[in-house]
């Protein structure tokens, strides 16, 4: 099993940047492909970005391409989401998620992720 803890959320003006970090406890972090999801009030949880076990494959939702970057450090058991050019519509609670798998690719399907963090609030003011 793995436990996940997000950090780095906060309040930022439109056009600003935030860096979210997710620390994973437990062993064999490289056995997990990782993802970031977000949920705005009254909305469904939605996929944001994913990264493969080795970090060589990444995938983003269209609305964040070119603005967000996902990365991981398997030696430090961390995954990060660098968010630039933030927009008010990026406001949400952001969740880190992990899927233990032998597969080498990525997934944007929330039901593939069995481990979730508590979430961190990101608020972008206009």
Foldseek 3Di string as FASTA:
>chain_A
DKAKAKDWADEEAAQAKIKMKIAIDDPDLLQKKKFKWWDDPPGDIFGAKTAFSVRPAIDGDPVQPPFWDWGDDNVRRMIMIIGGRDDQVVWTWMKMFIARDPDGYIDGDPVRTDYIYPTDTHGYHD
